[in-house]
């Protein structure tokens, strides 16, 4: 469960780094900032629901993985990687 908090902080840090790229790469960096900030916000705002679901699953002895959250986070990382390559190569 703590890994999601670290992921959120990583996305916030990446957003700050992308803002620092604006003088070098111009406004091409803004989609990178938007995706990473949106991912961090989504993790932050859904954190309470995931914690409650985890507590209920542990209590009941039937903890199911949250596949949608994992796929969403993985897809946002893939999009960030593709956008990062596009910015650097442009």
Protein backbone atom coordinates (compact mmCIF):
# COMPACT_ATOMS: atom_id res chain seq x y z
CA UNK A 1 0.00 0.00 0.00
CA UNK A 2 2.84 2.40 0.70
CA UNK A 3 4.14 1.98 -2.82
CA UNK A 4 1.27 4.10 -4.16
CA UNK A 5 2.35 6.98 -1.93
CA UNK A 6 5.88 6.71 -3.28
CA UNK A 7 4.52 6.58 -6.81
CA UNK A 8 2.54 9.75 -6.20
CA UNK A 9 5.61 11.55 -4.85
CA UNK A 10 7.62 10.31 -7.83
CA UNK A 11 5.04 11.73 -10.23
CA UNK A 12 5.05 15.07 -8.42
CA UNK A 13 8.86 15.16 -8.59
CA UNK A 14 8.75 14.31 -12.28
CA UNK A 15 6.26 17.14 -12.82
CA UNK A 16 8.67 19.58 -11.19
CA UNK A 17 11.54 18.32 -13.33
CA UNK A 18 9.45 18.73 -16.47
CA UNK A 19 8.73 22.33 -15.51
CA UNK A 20 12.47 22.90 -15.27
CA UNK A 21 12.82 21.67 -18.87
CA UNK A 22 10.68 24.53 -20.25
CA UNK A 23 13.61 26.94 -20.85
CA UNK A 24 15.44 24.29 -22.89
CA UNK A 25 12.62 22.52 -24.73
CA UNK A 26 9.84 25.12 -24.70
CA UNK A 27 6.13 24.36 -24.48
CA UNK A 28 6.63 20.80 -25.78
CA UNK A 29 7.17 19.85 -22.14
CA UNK A 30 3.68 20.88 -21.03
CA UNK A 31 2.02 17.57 -22.08
CA UNK A 32 4.63 15.74 -19.96
CA UNK A 33 3.79 17.96 -17.02
CA UNK A 34 0.06 17.47 -17.56
CA UNK A 35 0.26 13.66 -17.70
CA UNK A 36 2.49 13.34 -14.66
CA UNK A 37 0.46 15.84 -12.63
CA UNK A 38 -2.78 14.09 -13.60
CA UNK A 39 -1.34 10.71 -12.60
CA UNK A 40 -0.20 12.10 -9.24
CA UNK A 41 -3.61 13.69 -8.64
CA UNK A 42 -5.43 10.48 -9.55
CA UNK A 43 -3.27 8.48 -7.15
CA UNK A 44 -3.80 11.04 -4.40
CA UNK A 45 -7.57 11.31 -4.78
CA UNK A 46 -8.16 7.54 -4.98
CA UNK A 47 -5.78 6.67 -2.16
CA UNK A 48 -8.41 6.54 0.59
CA UNK A 49 -10.64 4.19 -1.42
CA UNK A 50 -7.72 1.84 -2.11
CA UNK A 51 -6.69 1.80 1.56
CA UNK A 52 -10.23 1.02 2.70
CA UNK A 53 -10.57 -1.75 0.10
CA UNK A 54 -7.24 -3.17 1.24
CA UNK A 55 -8.25 -3.13 4.90
CA UNK A 56 -11.53 -4.87 4.10
CA UNK A 57 -9.72 -7.44 1.99
CA UNK A 58 -7.15 -8.17 4.68
CA UNK A 59 -9.86 -8.42 7.34
CA UNK A 60 -11.93 -10.80 5.22
CA UNK A 61 -8.87 -12.76 4.16
CA UNK A 62 -9.67 -12.22 0.49
CA UNK A 63 -7.51 -9.43 -0.85
CA UNK A 64 -7.90 -9.06 -4.61
CA UNK A 65 -5.38 -7.09 -6.66
CA UNK A 66 -6.51 -3.79 -8.14
CA UNK A 67 -5.69 -4.58 -11.75
CA UNK A 68 -7.27 -1.40 -13.12
CA UNK A 69 -5.06 0.82 -10.96
CA UNK A 70 -1.93 -1.08 -11.94
CA UNK A 71 -2.80 -0.90 -15.65
CA UNK A 72 -3.66 2.80 -15.40
CA UNK A 73 -0.37 3.59 -13.68
CA UNK A 74 1.60 1.49 -16.17
CA UNK A 75 -0.10 3.15 -19.13
CA UNK A 76 0.60 6.62 -17.74
CA UNK A 77 4.28 5.66 -17.40
CA UNK A 78 4.34 4.41 -21.00
CA UNK A 79 2.74 7.65 -22.20
CA UNK A 80 5.28 9.66 -20.19
CA UNK A 81 8.12 7.68 -21.75
CA UNK A 82 6.80 8.19 -25.27
CA UNK A 83 6.22 11.90 -24.70
CA UNK A 84 9.69 12.24 -23.17
CA UNK A 85 11.30 10.67 -26.21
CA UNK A 86 9.24 12.91 -28.47
CA UNK A 87 10.35 16.05 -26.57
CA UNK A 88 14.03 15.08 -26.55
CA UNK A 89 14.07 14.11 -30.22
CA UNK A 90 12.05 17.15 -31.38
